Amino acid sequence: MIRSSKGLLALSPLLVFLLVYVLSSLFVGDFGRVPVSSAFLIAAIWAVATTPGKLRERINCFSKGAGDRNILLMIWIFVLAGAFAGSAKDIGAIDATVAATLHLVPSKLIFCGLFLASCFISMSIGTSVGTIVALVPLATEMAANCGVSEAYMAAIIVGGAFFGDNLSFISDTTIASTRIMKCEMRDKFRMNIRIILPAVLVVAAIYIWQGWNAQLTGVGNMDDWYKVFPYLLVIVMAMSGIDVSIVLLTGIIANAVMGFCCGSFLPQELGAAAGTGLAAGADGALAAGAGKMAALAWTGWLASLGRGIATMSDLIIVTLLAGGLMELIRANGGLDFIIDRLTRRIKGERGAQFSIAALVCIADICTANNTIAIISTGSIAKEISDRFGLDPRKTASILDTFSCLIQGIIPYGAQLLIAAGLAGISSASIIPHLYYPFLMGVMAVLSIIFRFPRNTVKPQARG
């Protein structure tokens, strides 16, 4: 049985991670040079070493967090996403989609168009992860054509993805925040959209300005337009609200069918040799050539899936280490310690709202999951809201918006890790380009300071 250590010692693993990662990155002057997995490994070792109790109990607690069903579900999605992205790339689906997009969308609006498409899809499907999985491979493949970095293009999609995560009626965070605060989703939406709409408009304007002089290169042709089908299928299914696992699995099957039909999984040199056998005309040669081609296509497809899955290996390791680390912090009373300290000296409406915002932000830093952060701090937020007579719609908006803010900018959060894995870059390299999450946070802070929206109906405060 783990004995709660409480105090700063319970939070020290998180501090160790931040110190190792940030200071090492600053020392070399490049956040991409320091693997997140290495920093998490050191922090995990520290967490196990400083946790009270027998060593076996400490390791079991760590393993419980790493083996949490939400963590394992996330890893399953990572595996499928890697397999889909790898096979889509090998059959030319991504290249064909990039070519089609560059032909159809005016170059001046390419960045803004991707951002608004990400907002629309995330709003429709209610998940930032599904949006990122669907659009990041396309966006990062377009980076070279647009003359910008993969990190910049990935950030466009990640920013738009959190628009829907924050506002969608079927988003976990919306459901959790409104249920906790006992308010209607439509009322929370009306409140929340008025808070963050200025951020959306400003970001859209920034992308129009930055894309106004964009010079697209290597646009290519539309000869392989039919290869867009697997990619469109994934986007349409995702927007239909189908579970992301089913969407990705269907996409993998569609890639396989397209690849087998087009011969995309055949090595060029061996495919030519097999074709020579077919051209011989003899029945035996025909059968042998067809059999060889089928075997080559099958193994080529398996290799394509394997390469895609391999790109997610670091991401999977980081997810496991983060899950175990956060469970030790929770078991040691780190989250309870923070909550207790933040709620001791609350004065006035603004102070109450800022304390709720700080609670959910810290909880998200510690859990790397915005839905869990809302659920973890929801009862305390409800108590603070009732005590100070806060509008429950505003409190629900604060919980949702600030949790999405932190989730959108932490380098070990699922969304940035997935985007980085699909783009083949470090998650930290995306952060400087994340306009929307930061501006969303700024608008949320301003809404507390200047008390807007003003036409709120507050419940009676409790003494």
Protein backbone atom coordinates (compact mmCIF):
# COMPACT_ATOMS: atom_id res chain seq x y z
CA MET A 1 0.00 0.00 0.00
CA ILE A 2 1.50 3.34 -1.07
CA ARG A 3 1.59 5.90 1.73
CA SER A 4 0.83 9.42 0.55
CA SER A 5 3.94 11.64 0.83
CA LYS A 6 2.06 14.88 0.01
CA GLY A 7 3.79 18.22 -0.20
CA LEU A 8 6.29 19.27 -2.81
CA LEU A 9 7.97 15.86 -2.70
CA ALA A 10 4.91 14.36 -4.35
CA LEU A 11 5.23 16.89 -7.19
CA SER A 12 9.01 16.61 -7.50
CA PRO A 13 8.92 14.04 -10.37
CA LEU A 14 7.12 16.57 -12.54
CA LEU A 15 9.66 19.23 -11.58
CA VAL A 16 12.50 16.82 -12.39
CA PHE A 17 11.01 16.19 -15.83
CA LEU A 18 10.63 19.90 -16.56
CA LEU A 19 14.12 20.71 -15.32
CA VAL A 20 15.80 17.92 -17.27
CA TYR A 21 13.89 18.64 -20.47
CA VAL A 22 13.86 22.44 -20.41
CA LEU A 23 17.36 23.07 -19.01
CA SER A 24 18.99 20.49 -21.28
CA SER A 25 17.21 21.96 -24.29
CA LEU A 26 18.21 25.50 -23.36
CA PHE A 27 21.80 24.37 -22.83
CA VAL A 28 22.11 22.99 -26.36
CA GLY A 29 19.82 25.68 -27.78
CA ASP A 30 17.49 23.22 -29.48
CA PHE A 31 14.40 21.62 -27.96
CA GLY A 32 14.39 19.04 -30.74
CA ARG A 33 17.76 17.63 -29.61
CA VAL A 34 16.45 16.35 -26.27
CA PRO A 35 14.14 13.31 -26.51
CA VAL A 36 11.05 13.65 -24.32
CA SER A 37 11.30 9.94 -23.52
CA SER A 38 14.74 10.39 -21.92
CA ALA A 39 13.50 13.18 -19.64
CA PHE A 40 10.47 11.10 -18.67
CA LEU A 41 12.67 8.08 -17.91
CA ILE A 42 14.80 10.08 -15.46
CA ALA A 43 11.67 11.58 -13.88
CA ALA A 44 10.08 8.12 -13.61
CA ILE A 45 13.14 6.70 -11.87
CA TRP A 46 13.04 9.63 -9.44
CA ALA A 47 9.33 9.11 -8.83
CA VAL A 48 9.77 5.44 -7.98
CA ALA A 49 12.77 6.21 -5.77
CA THR A 50 11.00 8.92 -3.75
CA THR A 51 7.67 7.12 -3.32
CA PRO A 52 7.16 5.58 0.15
CA GLY A 53 6.56 1.85 0.48
CA LYS A 54 8.09 -1.39 -0.74
CA LEU A 55 9.80 -1.38 -4.12
CA ARG A 56 7.36 -3.93 -5.56
CA GLU A 57 4.39 -1.76 -4.51
CA ARG A 58 5.95 1.33 -6.07
CA ILE A 59 6.60 -0.46 -9.37
CA ASN A 60 3.08 -1.90 -9.31
CA CYS A 61 1.67 1.61 -8.85
CA PHE A 62 3.74 2.87 -11.77
CA SER A 63 2.64 -0.07 -13.91
CA LYS A 64 -1.00 0.56 -12.99
CA GLY A 65 -0.75 4.07 -14.40
CA ALA A 66 1.10 2.91 -17.53
CA GLY A 67 -1.45 0.15 -18.05
CA ASP A 68 -4.51 2.32 -17.53
CA ARG A 69 -7.21 1.51 -20.08
CA ASN A 70 -7.18 5.09 -21.39
CA ILE A 71 -3.42 4.86 -21.93
CA LEU A 72 -3.71 1.53 -23.72
CA LEU A 73 -6.57 2.82 -25.88
CA MET A 74 -4.38 5.77 -26.82
CA ILE A 75 -1.54 3.41 -27.79
CA TRP A 76 -3.94 1.35 -29.91
CA ILE A 77 -4.88 4.54 -31.75
CA PHE A 78 -1.19 5.40 -32.19
CA VAL A 79 -0.52 1.98 -33.76
CA LEU A 80 -3.45 2.28 -36.16
CA ALA A 81 -2.57 5.89 -37.01
CA GLY A 82 1.01 4.91 -37.83
CA ALA A 83 -0.14 1.99 -39.98
CA PHE A 84 -2.63 4.16 -41.85
CA ALA A 85 -0.16 7.01 -42.40
CA GLY A 86 2.59 4.64 -43.56
CA SER A 87 0.42 2.75 -46.05
CA ALA A 88 -1.26 5.95 -47.28
CA LYS A 89 2.13 7.45 -48.02
CA ASP A 90 3.35 4.34 -49.86
CA ILE A 91 0.33 4.12 -52.18
CA GLY A 92 0.57 7.83 -52.96
CA ALA A 93 -2.71 8.84 -51.28
CA ILE A 94 -1.14 11.72 -49.38
CA ASP A 95 0.73 13.02 -52.44
CA ALA A 96 -2.47 12.87 -54.50
CA THR A 97 -4.44 14.69 -51.80
CA VAL A 98 -1.76 17.36 -51.51
CA ALA A 99 -1.83 17.91 -55.27
CA ALA A 100 -5.63 18.15 -55.28
CA THR A 101 -5.66 20.59 -52.37
CA LEU A 102 -3.03 22.83 -53.93
CA HIS A 103 -5.02 22.88 -57.17
CA LEU A 104 -8.37 23.66 -55.59
CA VAL A 105 -7.49 26.07 -52.75
CA PRO A 106 -6.13 29.55 -53.64
CA SER A 107 -2.53 29.83 -52.49
CA LYS A 108 -3.26 32.98 -50.51
CA LEU A 109 -5.80 31.13 -48.40
CA ILE A 110 -3.99 27.82 -47.96
CA PHE A 111 -3.02 28.35 -44.30
CA CYS A 112 -6.35 29.86 -43.28
CA GLY A 113 -8.20 27.17 -45.22
CA LEU A 114 -6.41 24.37 -43.37
CA PHE A 115 -7.08 26.05 -40.03
CA LEU A 116 -10.80 26.50 -40.71
CA ALA A 117 -11.06 22.94 -42.07
CA SER A 118 -9.49 21.68 -38.85
CA CYS A 119 -11.93 23.77 -36.79
CA PHE A 120 -14.90 22.44 -38.76
CA ILE A 121 -13.88 18.79 -38.59
CA SER A 122 -13.03 18.89 -34.89
CA MET A 123 -16.34 20.61 -34.19
CA SER A 124 -18.11 17.89 -36.15
CA ILE A 125 -16.42 14.86 -34.60
CA GLY A 126 -15.76 16.25 -31.12
CA THR A 127 -12.21 15.00 -30.82
CA SER A 128 -8.92 16.76 -31.36
CA VAL A 129 -7.09 13.44 -31.75
CA GLY A 130 -9.29 12.31 -34.65
CA THR A 131 -8.83 15.65 -36.41
CA ILE A 132 -5.05 15.54 -35.99
CA VAL A 133 -4.85 11.97 -37.26
CA ALA A 134 -6.92 12.88 -40.32
CA LEU A 135 -5.23 16.14 -41.32
CA VAL A 136 -1.64 16.32 -40.04
CA PRO A 137 -0.18 13.90 -42.64
CA LEU A 138 -1.77 15.98 -45.41
CA ALA A 139 -0.66 19.31 -43.92
CA THR A 140 2.94 18.29 -43.26
CA GLU A 141 3.32 16.84 -46.77
CA MET A 142 2.27 20.25 -48.07
CA ALA A 143 4.95 22.04 -46.05
CA ALA A 144 7.64 21.87 -48.74
CA ASN A 145 5.22 23.09 -51.41
CA CYS A 146 4.27 26.07 -49.23
CA GLY A 147 7.82 26.95 -48.22
CA VAL A 148 7.24 26.48 -44.48
CA SER A 149 8.28 23.93 -41.87
CA GLU A 150 6.43 20.75 -40.96
CA ALA A 151 6.10 22.10 -37.41
CA TYR A 152 4.29 25.19 -38.67
CA MET A 153 1.80 23.13 -40.71
CA ALA A 154 1.22 20.67 -37.86
CA ALA A 155 0.53 23.60 -35.52
CA ILE A 156 -2.20 24.89 -37.84
CA ILE A 157 -4.05 21.57 -37.53
CA VAL A 158 -3.46 21.20 -33.79
CA GLY A 159 -4.79 24.71 -33.15
CA GLY A 160 -7.96 24.11 -35.12
CA ALA A 161 -8.40 20.71 -33.50
CA PHE A 162 -8.69 22.32 -30.07
CA PHE A 163 -11.44 24.62 -31.31
CA GLY A 164 -13.74 21.62 -31.58
CA ASP A 165 -12.35 19.95 -28.48
CA ASN A 166 -13.39 23.04 -26.57
CA LEU A 167 -16.80 23.65 -28.16
CA SER A 168 -18.22 20.51 -29.77
CA PHE A 169 -21.41 19.12 -28.24
CA ILE A 170 -19.97 15.62 -28.41
CA SER A 171 -16.55 16.51 -26.98
CA ASP A 172 -15.62 14.73 -23.73
CA THR A 173 -14.54 18.02 -22.17
CA THR A 174 -17.85 19.73 -22.99
CA ILE A 175 -19.84 16.81 -21.62
CA ALA A 176 -17.74 16.61 -18.45
CA SER A 177 -17.75 20.36 -17.69
CA THR A 178 -21.49 20.83 -18.27
CA ARG A 179 -22.46 17.78 -16.23
CA ILE A 180 -20.27 18.85 -13.33
CA MET A 181 -21.66 22.39 -13.37
CA LYS A 182 -25.23 21.21 -14.07
CA CYS A 183 -25.83 23.50 -17.04
CA GLU A 184 -27.12 22.92 -20.55
CA MET A 185 -24.60 22.30 -23.34
CA ARG A 186 -26.21 24.91 -25.59
CA ASP A 187 -25.92 27.54 -22.83
CA LYS A 188 -22.28 26.68 -22.21
CA PHE A 189 -21.65 26.84 -25.97
CA ARG A 190 -23.17 30.31 -26.25
CA MET A 191 -21.06 31.52 -23.36
CA ASN A 192 -17.88 29.81 -24.54
CA ILE A 193 -18.09 30.89 -28.19
CA ARG A 194 -18.36 34.55 -27.17
CA ILE A 195 -15.17 34.16 -25.15
CA ILE A 196 -13.02 32.50 -27.81
CA LEU A 197 -14.49 33.81 -31.09
CA PRO A 198 -12.13 36.83 -31.16
CA ALA A 199 -9.19 34.40 -30.93
CA VAL A 200 -10.51 32.41 -33.92
CA LEU A 201 -10.91 35.56 -36.02
CA VAL A 202 -7.47 36.89 -35.11
CA VAL A 203 -5.78 33.56 -35.90
CA ALA A 204 -7.63 33.30 -39.23
CA ALA A 205 -6.48 36.83 -40.08
CA ILE A 206 -2.88 35.94 -39.16
CA TYR A 207 -2.94 32.92 -41.45
CA ILE A 208 -4.39 34.99 -44.31
CA TRP A 209 -1.65 37.58 -43.79
CA GLN A 210 1.11 34.97 -43.60
CA GLY A 211 -0.21 33.14 -46.65
CA TRP A 212 -0.88 36.21 -48.78
CA ASN A 213 2.53 36.08 -50.42
CA ALA A 214 2.89 32.31 -50.29
CA GLN A 215 4.53 30.89 -53.40
CA LEU A 216 3.47 27.29 -53.97
CA THR A 217 6.07 25.10 -55.68
CA GLY A 218 5.96 21.59 -57.04
CA VAL A 219 2.18 21.52 -57.27
CA GLY A 220 2.34 18.50 -59.60
CA ASN A 221 -0.61 17.12 -61.53
CA MET A 222 -3.94 15.39 -60.95
CA ASP A 223 -3.10 12.16 -62.80
CA ASP A 224 -3.51 10.09 -59.61
CA TRP A 225 -6.62 11.85 -58.35
CA TYR A 226 -8.36 8.54 -57.59
CA LYS A 227 -5.80 7.82 -54.86
CA VAL A 228 -7.47 10.55 -52.80
CA PHE A 229 -10.32 8.13 -52.03
CA PRO A 230 -8.85 6.43 -48.89
CA TYR A 231 -8.04 9.81 -47.42
CA LEU A 232 -11.47 11.25 -48.17
CA LEU A 233 -13.04 8.11 -46.72
CA VAL A 234 -11.23 8.66 -43.42
CA ILE A 235 -12.28 12.32 -43.21
CA VAL A 236 -15.93 11.60 -44.07
CA MET A 237 -16.13 8.72 -41.57
CA ALA A 238 -14.50 10.83 -38.86
CA MET A 239 -16.97 13.66 -39.47
CA SER A 240 -19.80 11.13 -39.21
CA GLY A 241 -18.90 10.54 -35.57
CA ILE A 242 -17.58 6.99 -36.05
CA ASP A 243 -15.06 5.82 -33.46
CA VAL A 244 -11.52 6.80 -34.47
CA SER A 245 -10.32 3.17 -34.19
CA ILE A 246 -12.90 2.02 -36.75
CA VAL A 247 -12.09 4.97 -38.97
CA LEU A 248 -8.38 4.18 -39.01
CA LEU A 249 -8.91 0.45 -39.50
CA THR A 250 -11.21 1.13 -42.45
CA GLY A 251 -8.62 3.53 -43.86
CA ILE A 252 -5.93 0.84 -43.62
CA ILE A 253 -8.15 -1.61 -45.52
CA ALA A 254 -8.91 1.02 -48.17
CA ASN A 255 -5.16 1.70 -48.56
CA ALA A 256 -4.55 -2.03 -48.97
CA VAL A 257 -7.18 -2.41 -51.68
CA MET A 258 -5.93 0.65 -53.54
CA GLY A 259 -2.30 -0.43 -53.19
CA PHE A 260 -2.91 -3.98 -54.40
CA CYS A 261 -4.93 -2.77 -57.38
CA CYS A 262 -2.30 -0.20 -58.38
CA GLY A 263 0.75 -2.36 -57.61
CA SER A 264 1.99 0.25 -55.12
CA PHE A 265 3.44 -2.35 -52.74
CA LEU A 266 5.63 -4.01 -55.37
CA PRO A 267 9.37 -3.13 -55.39
CA GLN A 268 10.07 -1.53 -58.76
CA GLU A 269 12.95 -3.76 -59.78
CA LEU A 270 11.28 -6.99 -58.69
CA GLY A 271 7.94 -5.90 -60.12
CA ALA A 272 9.59 -5.49 -63.53
CA ALA A 273 11.10 -8.98 -63.26
CA ALA A 274 7.70 -10.42 -62.34
CA GLY A 275 6.15 -8.64 -65.28
CA THR A 276 8.71 -10.31 -67.60
CA GLY A 277 7.50 -13.70 -66.41
CA LEU A 278 3.91 -12.72 -67.18
CA ALA A 279 4.88 -11.56 -70.63
CA ALA A 280 6.41 -14.97 -71.47
CA GLY A 281 2.96 -16.29 -72.33
CA ALA A 282 3.38 -19.86 -71.00
CA ASP A 283 0.82 -21.02 -68.47
CA GLY A 284 3.51 -22.05 -66.01
CA ALA A 285 5.35 -18.77 -66.34
CA LEU A 286 2.06 -16.89 -66.01
CA ALA A 287 1.14 -18.70 -62.82
CA ALA A 288 4.64 -18.32 -61.41
CA GLY A 289 4.74 -14.62 -62.26
CA ALA A 290 1.33 -13.95 -60.77
CA GLY A 291 2.18 -15.90 -57.63
CA LYS A 292 5.43 -14.01 -57.18
CA MET A 293 3.74 -10.68 -57.67
CA ALA A 294 1.04 -11.55 -55.14
CA ALA A 295 3.65 -12.61 -52.60
CA LEU A 296 5.68 -9.46 -53.20
CA ALA A 297 2.61 -7.25 -52.90
CA TRP A 298 1.58 -8.96 -49.65
CA THR A 299 5.01 -8.61 -48.03
CA GLY A 300 5.29 -5.07 -49.36
CA TRP A 301 2.02 -4.15 -47.66
CA LEU A 302 3.15 -5.72 -44.38
CA ALA A 303 6.43 -3.81 -44.62
CA SER A 304 4.50 -0.59 -45.24
CA LEU A 305 2.39 -1.15 -42.13
CA GLY A 306 5.50 -1.99 -40.11
CA ARG A 307 7.31 1.17 -41.16
CA GLY A 308 4.30 3.26 -40.24
CA ILE A 309 3.93 1.62 -36.82
CA ALA A 310 7.67 2.02 -36.17
CA THR A 311 7.36 5.80 -36.51
CA MET A 312 5.13 5.71 -33.41
CA SER A 313 7.57 3.82 -31.19
CA ASP A 314 8.91 6.86 -29.33
CA LEU A 315 5.40 8.17 -28.91
CA ILE A 316 4.24 4.88 -27.35
CA ILE A 317 7.18 4.82 -24.93
CA VAL A 318 6.54 8.41 -23.84
CA THR A 319 2.85 7.64 -23.28
CA LEU A 320 3.65 4.64 -21.08
CA LEU A 321 6.24 6.54 -19.04
CA ALA A 322 3.95 9.56 -18.64
CA GLY A 323 1.03 7.38 -17.53
CA GLY A 324 3.09 5.67 -14.83
CA LEU A 325 4.66 8.92 -13.64
CA MET A 326 1.34 10.71 -13.31
CA GLU A 327 -0.16 7.79 -11.36
CA LEU A 328 2.67 7.99 -8.80
CA ILE A 329 2.14 11.75 -8.46
CA ARG A 330 -1.59 11.18 -7.90
CA ALA A 331 -1.04 8.33 -5.44
CA ASN A 332 1.44 10.41 -3.45
CA GLY A 333 -1.13 13.18 -3.01
CA GLY A 334 0.48 15.71 -5.36
CA LEU A 335 -2.78 16.79 -6.94
CA ASP A 336 -4.57 17.03 -3.60
CA PHE A 337 -1.71 19.14 -2.24
CA ILE A 338 -2.06 21.65 -5.09
CA ILE A 339 -5.82 21.85 -4.74
CA ASP A 340 -5.57 22.48 -1.01
CA ARG A 341 -3.04 25.29 -1.42
CA LEU A 342 -4.95 27.06 -4.19
CA THR A 343 -8.30 27.11 -2.45
CA ARG A 344 -7.17 28.46 0.94
CA ARG A 345 -7.34 32.19 0.31
CA ILE A 346 -9.93 32.92 -2.35
CA LYS A 347 -11.45 36.39 -2.32
CA GLY A 348 -14.05 37.72 -4.71
CA GLU A 349 -15.48 36.57 -8.02
CA ARG A 350 -12.31 37.06 -10.06
CA GLY A 351 -10.20 35.26 -7.48
CA ALA A 352 -12.63 32.35 -7.48
CA GLN A 353 -12.57 32.09 -11.27
CA PHE A 354 -8.78 32.34 -11.45
CA SER A 355 -8.45 29.65 -8.77
CA ILE A 356 -10.68 27.32 -10.82
CA ALA A 357 -8.59 28.08 -13.91
CA ALA A 358 -5.35 27.40 -12.01
CA LEU A 359 -6.74 24.16 -10.58
CA VAL A 360 -7.67 22.68 -13.93
CA CYS A 361 -4.41 23.88 -15.54
CA ILE A 362 -2.26 22.22 -12.88
CA ALA A 363 -4.38 19.08 -13.00
CA ASP A 364 -3.86 18.88 -16.76
CA ILE A 365 -0.11 19.37 -16.39
CA CYS A 366 -0.10 16.47 -13.93
CA THR A 367 -2.41 14.15 -15.88
CA ALA A 368 -1.78 15.19 -19.53
CA ASN A 369 -5.48 14.60 -20.19
CA ASN A 370 -7.90 17.53 -20.27
CA THR A 371 -11.00 15.43 -19.66
CA ILE A 372 -9.46 13.76 -16.60
CA ALA A 373 -8.27 17.18 -15.39
CA ILE A 374 -11.85 18.49 -15.50
CA ILE A 375 -13.24 15.44 -13.74
CA SER A 376 -10.47 15.53 -11.09
CA THR A 377 -11.11 19.14 -10.12
CA GLY A 378 -14.82 19.35 -10.98
CA SER A 379 -16.25 18.83 -7.50
CA ILE A 380 -13.98 21.53 -6.05
CA ALA A 381 -14.79 23.88 -8.94
CA LYS A 382 -18.50 23.32 -8.30
CA GLU A 383 -18.05 24.07 -4.60
CA ILE A 384 -16.12 27.28 -5.33
CA SER A 385 -18.68 28.31 -7.96
CA ASP A 386 -21.60 27.78 -5.57
CA ARG A 387 -19.85 29.51 -2.67
CA PHE A 388 -19.14 32.67 -4.68
CA GLY A 389 -22.32 32.65 -6.76
CA LEU A 390 -20.56 32.20 -10.11
CA ASP A 391 -22.50 31.64 -13.31
CA PRO A 392 -22.27 27.86 -13.91
CA ARG A 393 -22.05 28.45 -17.67
CA LYS A 394 -19.00 30.65 -17.18
CA THR A 395 -17.41 28.16 -14.79
CA ALA A 396 -17.99 25.31 -17.26
CA SER A 397 -16.40 27.45 -19.99
CA ILE A 398 -13.41 28.20 -17.75
CA LEU A 399 -12.89 24.51 -16.97
CA ASP A 400 -13.11 23.51 -20.62
CA THR A 401 -11.10 26.37 -22.12
CA PHE A 402 -8.18 26.34 -19.70
CA SER A 403 -7.90 22.55 -19.81
CA CYS A 404 -7.73 22.72 -23.62
CA LEU A 405 -5.16 25.52 -23.39
CA ILE A 406 -2.74 23.44 -21.34
CA GLN A 407 -3.45 20.23 -23.23
CA GLY A 408 -2.67 22.05 -26.46
CA ILE A 409 0.78 23.31 -25.41
CA ILE A 410 2.36 20.60 -23.23
CA PRO A 411 4.90 18.62 -25.30
CA TYR A 412 3.92 15.32 -23.67
CA GLY A 413 0.18 15.68 -24.32
CA ALA A 414 -1.41 13.11 -26.63
CA GLN A 415 -2.32 15.66 -29.30
CA LEU A 416 1.16 17.13 -29.76
CA LEU A 417 2.76 13.69 -29.51
CA ILE A 418 0.50 12.29 -32.23
CA ALA A 419 1.06 15.32 -34.47
CA ALA A 420 4.82 15.06 -33.95
CA GLY A 421 4.82 11.33 -34.63
CA LEU A 422 2.86 11.70 -37.86
CA ALA A 423 5.02 14.61 -39.00
CA GLY A 424 8.33 13.01 -37.99
CA ILE A 425 9.36 15.97 -35.81
CA SER A 426 9.68 16.73 -32.10
CA SER A 427 6.57 17.80 -30.22
CA ALA A 428 8.41 20.78 -28.74
CA SER A 429 9.10 22.18 -32.22
CA ILE A 430 5.35 22.62 -32.77
CA ILE A 431 4.76 24.77 -29.67
CA PRO A 432 6.19 28.11 -30.96
CA HIS A 433 3.74 28.00 -33.89
CA LEU A 434 0.60 27.33 -31.82
CA TYR A 435 -1.24 30.62 -32.29
CA TYR A 436 -4.75 29.50 -31.44
CA PRO A 437 -4.26 27.74 -28.06
CA PHE A 438 -2.31 30.70 -26.69
CA LEU A 439 -4.78 33.30 -27.97
CA MET A 440 -7.65 31.17 -26.66
CA GLY A 441 -5.99 31.31 -23.24
CA VAL A 442 -5.49 35.07 -23.50
CA MET A 443 -9.17 35.59 -24.27
CA ALA A 444 -10.16 33.35 -21.35
CA VAL A 445 -7.98 35.37 -18.97
CA LEU A 446 -9.40 38.65 -20.31
CA SER A 447 -12.94 37.32 -19.87
CA ILE A 448 -12.22 36.88 -16.16
CA ILE A 449 -10.47 40.23 -15.70
CA PHE A 450 -13.11 42.27 -17.57
CA ARG A 451 -16.05 40.03 -16.62
CA PHE A 452 -17.38 39.30 -20.08
CA PRO A 453 -19.77 38.16 -21.39
CA ARG A 454 -21.76 40.44 -19.09
CA ASN A 455 -25.32 39.26 -19.61
CA THR A 456 -24.94 36.39 -17.16
CA VAL A 457 -27.46 35.17 -14.62
CA LYS A 458 -25.66 34.30 -11.43
CA PRO A 459 -27.03 32.02 -8.75
CA GLN A 460 -27.29 33.26 -5.18
CA ALA A 461 -23.94 33.14 -3.41
CA ARG A 462 -23.61 31.01 -0.32
CA GLY A 463 -22.15 32.49 2.79
